[in-house]
Amino acid sequence: MTIAYEWRGDLDNDSLDALHADGFGHPVTRTDWRARLERHSLGWVCARENGDLVGFVNVVRDGGAHAFLLDTVVARRRRGRGIGTELVAIAARQARAAKCAWLHVDFEGPLRSFYLSACGFRATAAGLIAL
């Protein structure tokens, strides 16, 4: 398996929508990902195997020192092979190159060891309001 990674890689809405639906276990939503990424993102990382999109992470910025990971996803059939870890590592390098001082991520309990152990994040206190 050879995975190619690309910062701000070209992607189409259908491919990312299908990956997102597969990775997060929901129906395809027909989201206009390209418009969303162009409007709100510092950048994103695509992982491809034989041209197929098998991983993705979005890096959003506050315009200052803070960047945030959103929508980290790896195709179910490709999990456990280090793709997610490499996506996050590239995202961190690119956020650092853009002069961000902090990279934030929110995650659910089952992903704790992935983010804290595999990716090097440290636990912090945070708050959340469901809207």
Protein backbone atom coordinates (compact mmCIF):
# COMPACT_ATOMS: atom_id res chain seq x y z
CA MET A 1 0.00 0.00 0.00
CA THR A 2 1.49 3.33 -1.07
CA ILE A 3 -0.25 6.39 0.29
CA ALA A 4 0.40 9.82 -1.23
CA TYR A 5 -0.23 12.86 0.97
CA GLU A 6 -0.89 16.35 -0.33
CA TRP A 7 -1.36 19.68 1.45
CA ARG A 8 -4.29 21.59 -0.05
CA GLY A 9 -4.75 18.72 -2.47
CA ASP A 10 -7.28 18.95 -5.24
CA LEU A 11 -10.47 17.12 -4.38
CA ASP A 12 -14.04 16.97 -5.50
CA ASN A 13 -17.14 17.24 -3.38
CA ASP A 14 -18.38 13.72 -4.19
CA SER A 15 -15.14 12.00 -3.13
CA LEU A 16 -14.88 13.88 0.16
CA ASP A 17 -18.58 13.47 0.85
CA ALA A 18 -18.32 9.70 0.32
CA LEU A 19 -15.20 9.45 2.53
CA HIS A 20 -16.84 11.54 5.26
CA ALA A 21 -20.00 9.39 5.16
CA ASP A 22 -17.94 6.17 5.30
CA GLY A 23 -15.66 7.40 8.07
CA PHE A 24 -18.32 8.92 10.30
CA GLY A 25 -21.08 6.42 9.53
CA HIS A 26 -23.75 8.72 8.14
CA PRO A 27 -25.51 9.06 4.78
CA VAL A 28 -23.93 11.07 1.99
CA THR A 29 -24.94 14.70 2.55
CA ARG A 30 -24.06 16.44 -0.75
CA THR A 31 -21.97 19.06 1.09
CA ASP A 32 -20.21 21.71 -0.97
CA TRP A 33 -16.83 20.89 0.56
CA ARG A 34 -14.82 22.97 -1.92
CA ALA A 35 -16.68 26.17 -1.03
CA ARG A 36 -16.41 25.41 2.69
CA LEU A 37 -12.68 24.71 2.50
CA GLU A 38 -11.90 27.76 0.39
CA ARG A 39 -13.90 30.01 2.70
CA HIS A 40 -12.77 28.78 6.12
CA SER A 41 -9.58 26.74 5.95
CA LEU A 42 -5.91 27.43 6.33
CA GLY A 43 -5.55 24.20 4.40
CA TRP A 44 -6.27 20.50 4.39
CA VAL A 45 -4.41 17.28 3.86
CA CYS A 46 -5.56 14.57 1.46
CA ALA A 47 -4.34 10.97 1.56
CA ARG A 48 -4.70 8.96 -1.65
CA GLU A 49 -4.13 5.37 -2.55
CA ASN A 50 -4.01 4.71 -6.29
CA GLY A 51 -5.78 8.04 -6.81
CA ASP A 52 -8.63 7.23 -4.40
CA LEU A 53 -9.23 9.56 -1.45
CA VAL A 54 -8.67 7.43 1.68
CA GLY A 55 -7.94 10.12 4.27
CA PHE A 56 -8.53 13.78 4.99
CA VAL A 57 -8.10 16.42 7.68
CA ASN A 58 -9.14 20.08 7.60
CA VAL A 59 -7.10 22.82 9.32
CA VAL A 60 -9.08 25.93 10.22
CA ARG A 61 -7.43 29.09 11.56
CA ASP A 62 -8.64 31.95 13.73
CA GLY A 63 -6.51 34.47 11.83
CA GLY A 64 -3.99 34.57 14.66
CA ALA A 65 -2.01 31.99 16.60
CA HIS A 66 -4.63 29.23 16.77
CA ALA A 67 -5.41 26.46 14.30
CA PHE A 68 -7.99 23.72 14.72
CA LEU A 69 -8.33 20.23 13.27
CA LEU A 70 -11.73 19.30 11.88
CA ASP A 71 -13.10 16.27 10.08
CA THR A 72 -10.09 13.98 10.54
CA VAL A 73 -11.19 10.87 8.69
CA VAL A 74 -9.68 7.69 7.25
CA ALA A 75 -11.63 5.20 5.16
CA ARG A 76 -12.78 2.32 7.36
CA ARG A 77 -10.95 -0.23 5.19
CA ARG A 78 -7.64 1.64 5.65
CA ARG A 79 -7.66 2.34 9.39
CA GLY A 80 -4.91 1.14 11.69
CA ARG A 81 -2.14 1.72 9.13
CA GLY A 82 -0.84 5.11 10.30
CA ILE A 83 -2.70 7.20 7.74
CA GLY A 84 -4.50 9.31 10.33
CA THR A 85 -1.30 9.91 12.27
CA GLU A 86 0.48 11.11 9.13
CA LEU A 87 -2.46 13.36 8.17
CA VAL A 88 -2.24 15.05 11.58
CA ALA A 89 1.57 15.31 11.43
CA ILE A 90 1.41 17.08 8.06
CA ALA A 91 -1.38 19.35 9.30
CA ALA A 92 0.74 20.30 12.34
CA ARG A 93 3.81 21.05 10.20
CA GLN A 94 1.77 23.24 7.86
CA ALA A 95 0.09 25.11 10.73
CA ARG A 96 3.53 25.73 12.25
CA ALA A 97 4.84 26.96 8.86
CA ALA A 98 1.89 29.40 8.76
CA LYS A 99 3.12 30.80 12.11
CA CYS A 100 0.36 29.28 14.22
CA ALA A 101 1.46 28.68 17.81
CA TRP A 102 -1.30 26.28 18.85
CA LEU A 103 -3.10 23.38 17.20
CA HIS A 104 -6.38 22.38 18.86
CA VAL A 105 -8.52 19.29 18.42
CA ASP A 106 -11.74 18.08 20.01
CA PHE A 107 -12.44 14.36 20.06
CA GLU A 108 -14.68 11.73 21.56
CA GLY A 109 -13.42 9.31 24.21
CA PRO A 110 -12.58 6.39 21.91
CA LEU A 111 -10.14 8.62 19.99
CA ARG A 112 -8.22 9.72 23.09
CA SER A 113 -5.25 7.39 22.59
CA PHE A 114 -5.04 8.28 18.89
CA TYR A 115 -4.77 12.02 19.53
CA LEU A 116 -2.84 11.97 22.81
CA SER A 117 -0.50 9.02 22.25
CA ALA A 118 -0.14 8.60 18.49
CA CYS A 119 -0.34 12.28 17.50
CA GLY A 120 1.29 13.96 20.50
CA PHE A 121 -1.51 16.23 21.70
CA ARG A 122 -1.80 16.85 25.42
CA ALA A 123 -5.04 16.91 27.36
CA THR A 124 -6.39 20.33 28.32
CA ALA A 125 -9.49 21.62 30.01
CA ALA A 126 -12.09 22.79 27.52
CA GLY A 127 -15.76 23.59 27.31
CA LEU A 128 -18.52 22.92 24.82
CA ILE A 129 -22.07 24.12 24.31
CA ALA A 130 -24.39 22.14 22.04
CA LEU A 131 -26.29 24.63 19.89
